[in-house]
Amino acid sequence: MDERRDPAPPADSRPPLIAANAKLTATQRTWDAYSGHVLRCTACRSIRDLDAEPCATAGQLHQAWEAAAEDARRQMLGVPARAANEGRPQA
């Protein structure tokens, strides 16, 4: 059987590497902080129940990620950024 075969790619045809100085977005940085904490924290890793609450630090990091994701979504949609006191009762 004489099947056609594509020629072998040249040795230097690897995909380009990501630059070492590439910066992550705020959403990526906050998710990295949250997921890194959850993987390293003994209290968070010991949770077996999916409905159980993580430790306080994980909760704060998750809220920071949600806020960063919401800000990114608003930015993409062209909606003004959320005010720092939005959603809080007025004194």
C-alpha atoms as a PDB file:
ATOM      1  CA  MET A   1       0.000   0.000   0.000  1.00  0.00           C
ATOM      2  CA  ASP A   2       1.466   3.221  -1.120  1.00  0.00           C
ATOM      3  CA  GLU A   3      -0.392   5.874   0.900  1.00  0.00           C
ATOM      4  CA  ARG A   4       0.493   9.511   0.593  1.00  0.00           C
ATOM      5  CA  ARG A   5       2.227  10.920   3.672  1.00  0.00           C
ATOM      6  CA  ASP A   6       2.682  14.551   4.583  1.00  0.00           C
ATOM      7  CA  PRO A   7       6.294  15.631   4.788  1.00  0.00           C
ATOM      8  CA  ALA A   8       7.728  15.878   8.291  1.00  0.00           C
ATOM      9  CA  PRO A   9       7.565  19.431   9.714  1.00  0.00           C
ATOM     10  CA  PRO A  10      10.845  21.282  10.002  1.00  0.00           C
ATOM     11  CA  ALA A  11      12.610  20.930  13.348  1.00  0.00           C
ATOM     12  CA  ASP A  12      12.181  24.611  14.199  1.00  0.00           C
ATOM     13  CA  SER A  13       8.409  24.733  13.577  1.00  0.00           C
ATOM     14  CA  ARG A  14       7.330  24.700  17.231  1.00  0.00           C
ATOM     15  CA  PRO A  15       4.504  27.047  18.249  1.00  0.00           C
ATOM     16  CA  PRO A  16       5.671  30.365  19.677  1.00  0.00           C
ATOM     17  CA  LEU A  17       6.213  30.462  23.408  1.00  0.00           C
ATOM     18  CA  ILE A  18       4.315  32.862  25.626  1.00  0.00           C
ATOM     19  CA  ALA A  19       6.524  35.744  26.608  1.00  0.00           C
ATOM     20  CA  ALA A  20       7.847  35.497  30.153  1.00  0.00           C
ATOM     21  CA  ASN A  21       6.767  39.052  30.837  1.00  0.00           C
ATOM     22  CA  ALA A  22       3.176  38.515  29.645  1.00  0.00           C
ATOM     23  CA  LYS A  23       0.747  39.921  32.192  1.00  0.00           C
ATOM     24  CA  LEU A  24      -2.360  38.145  33.382  1.00  0.00           C
ATOM     25  CA  THR A  25      -5.642  39.994  33.578  1.00  0.00           C
ATOM     26  CA  ALA A  26      -7.078  40.973  36.949  1.00  0.00           C
ATOM     27  CA  THR A  27      -9.615  38.163  36.621  1.00  0.00           C
ATOM     28  CA  GLN A  28      -6.872  35.615  35.944  1.00  0.00           C
ATOM     29  CA  ARG A  29      -4.751  36.872  38.845  1.00  0.00           C
ATOM     30  CA  THR A  30      -7.626  36.726  41.335  1.00  0.00           C
ATOM     31  CA  TRP A  31      -8.651  33.229  40.165  1.00  0.00           C
ATOM     32  CA  ASP A  32      -5.027  32.111  40.493  1.00  0.00           C
ATOM     33  CA  ALA A  33      -4.912  33.439  44.065  1.00  0.00           C
ATOM     34  CA  TYR A  34      -8.200  31.714  44.958  1.00  0.00           C
ATOM     35  CA  SER A  35      -7.470  28.357  43.344  1.00  0.00           C
ATOM     36  CA  GLY A  36      -3.897  28.331  44.649  1.00  0.00           C
ATOM     37  CA  HIS A  37      -5.147  28.955  48.171  1.00  0.00           C
ATOM     38  CA  VAL A  38      -7.806  26.250  47.987  1.00  0.00           C
ATOM     39  CA  LEU A  39      -5.241  23.717  46.767  1.00  0.00           C
ATOM     40  CA  ARG A  40      -2.739  24.557  49.533  1.00  0.00           C
ATOM     41  CA  CYS A  41      -5.034  25.268  52.494  1.00  0.00           C
ATOM     42  CA  THR A  42      -5.507  22.212  54.709  1.00  0.00           C
ATOM     43  CA  ALA A  43      -8.920  23.453  55.882  1.00  0.00           C
ATOM     44  CA  CYS A  44     -10.156  23.900  52.298  1.00  0.00           C
ATOM     45  CA  ARG A  45      -8.721  20.580  51.100  1.00  0.00           C
ATOM     46  CA  SER A  46     -10.364  18.679  53.938  1.00  0.00           C
ATOM     47  CA  ILE A  47     -13.873  19.717  52.850  1.00  0.00           C
ATOM     48  CA  ARG A  48     -15.666  16.633  51.537  1.00  0.00           C
ATOM     49  CA  ASP A  49     -19.153  18.100  51.258  1.00  0.00           C
ATOM     50  CA  LEU A  50     -19.643  20.229  48.152  1.00  0.00           C
ATOM     51  CA  ASP A  51     -22.103  22.443  50.030  1.00  0.00           C
ATOM     52  CA  ALA A  52     -19.664  23.146  52.877  1.00  0.00           C
ATOM     53  CA  GLU A  53     -18.184  26.611  53.220  1.00  0.00           C
ATOM     54  CA  PRO A  54     -14.452  27.121  52.584  1.00  0.00           C
ATOM     55  CA  CYS A  55     -12.276  28.985  55.082  1.00  0.00           C
ATOM     56  CA  ALA A  56     -12.690  32.751  55.488  1.00  0.00           C
ATOM     57  CA  THR A  57      -9.628  33.525  53.353  1.00  0.00           C
ATOM     58  CA  ALA A  58     -10.962  31.404  50.489  1.00  0.00           C
ATOM     59  CA  GLY A  59     -14.312  33.175  50.782  1.00  0.00           C
ATOM     60  CA  GLN A  60     -12.639  36.582  50.513  1.00  0.00           C
ATOM     61  CA  LEU A  61     -10.492  35.484  47.563  1.00  0.00           C
ATOM     62  CA  HIS A  62     -13.558  34.075  45.796  1.00  0.00           C
ATOM     63  CA  GLN A  63     -15.431  37.349  46.321  1.00  0.00           C
ATOM     64  CA  ALA A  64     -12.445  39.242  44.886  1.00  0.00           C
ATOM     65  CA  TRP A  65     -12.505  36.962  41.840  1.00  0.00           C
ATOM     66  CA  GLU A  66     -16.249  37.461  41.380  1.00  0.00           C
ATOM     67  CA  ALA A  67     -15.802  41.240  41.586  1.00  0.00           C
ATOM     68  CA  ALA A  68     -12.938  41.177  39.056  1.00  0.00           C
ATOM     69  CA  ALA A  69     -14.978  38.993  36.697  1.00  0.00           C
ATOM     70  CA  GLU A  70     -17.980  41.311  37.020  1.00  0.00           C
ATOM     71  CA  ASP A  71     -15.802  44.364  36.334  1.00  0.00           C
ATOM     72  CA  ALA A  72     -14.351  42.654  33.244  1.00  0.00           C
ATOM     73  CA  ARG A  73     -17.855  41.788  32.038  1.00  0.00           C
ATOM     74  CA  ARG A  74     -19.012  45.366  32.535  1.00  0.00           C
ATOM     75  CA  GLN A  75     -15.936  46.639  30.707  1.00  0.00           C
ATOM     76  CA  MET A  76     -16.633  44.383  27.725  1.00  0.00           C
ATOM     77  CA  LEU A  77     -20.255  45.523  27.618  1.00  0.00           C
ATOM     78  CA  GLY A  78     -19.324  49.182  27.994  1.00  0.00           C
ATOM     79  CA  VAL A  79     -21.231  49.527  31.253  1.00  0.00           C
ATOM     80  CA  PRO A  80     -19.779  51.968  33.797  1.00  0.00           C
ATOM     81  CA  ALA A  81     -17.760  50.425  36.607  1.00  0.00           C
ATOM     82  CA  ARG A  82     -19.602  49.563  39.774  1.00  0.00           C
ATOM     83  CA  ALA A  83     -19.337  52.135  42.552  1.00  0.00           C
ATOM     84  CA  ALA A  84     -17.503  51.013  45.681  1.00  0.00           C
ATOM     85  CA  ASN A  85     -20.643  51.467  47.790  1.00  0.00           C
ATOM     86  CA  GLU A  86     -23.107  49.969  45.311  1.00  0.00           C
ATOM     87  CA  GLY A  87     -25.479  47.566  46.963  1.00  0.00           C
ATOM     88  CA  ARG A  88     -24.727  48.823  50.467  1.00  0.00           C
ATOM     89  CA  PRO A  89     -27.450  50.467  52.532  1.00  0.00           C
ATOM     90  CA  GLN A  90     -27.115  54.199  52.931  1.00  0.00           C
ATOM     91  CA  ALA A  91     -26.570  55.481  56.485  1.00  0.00           C
END
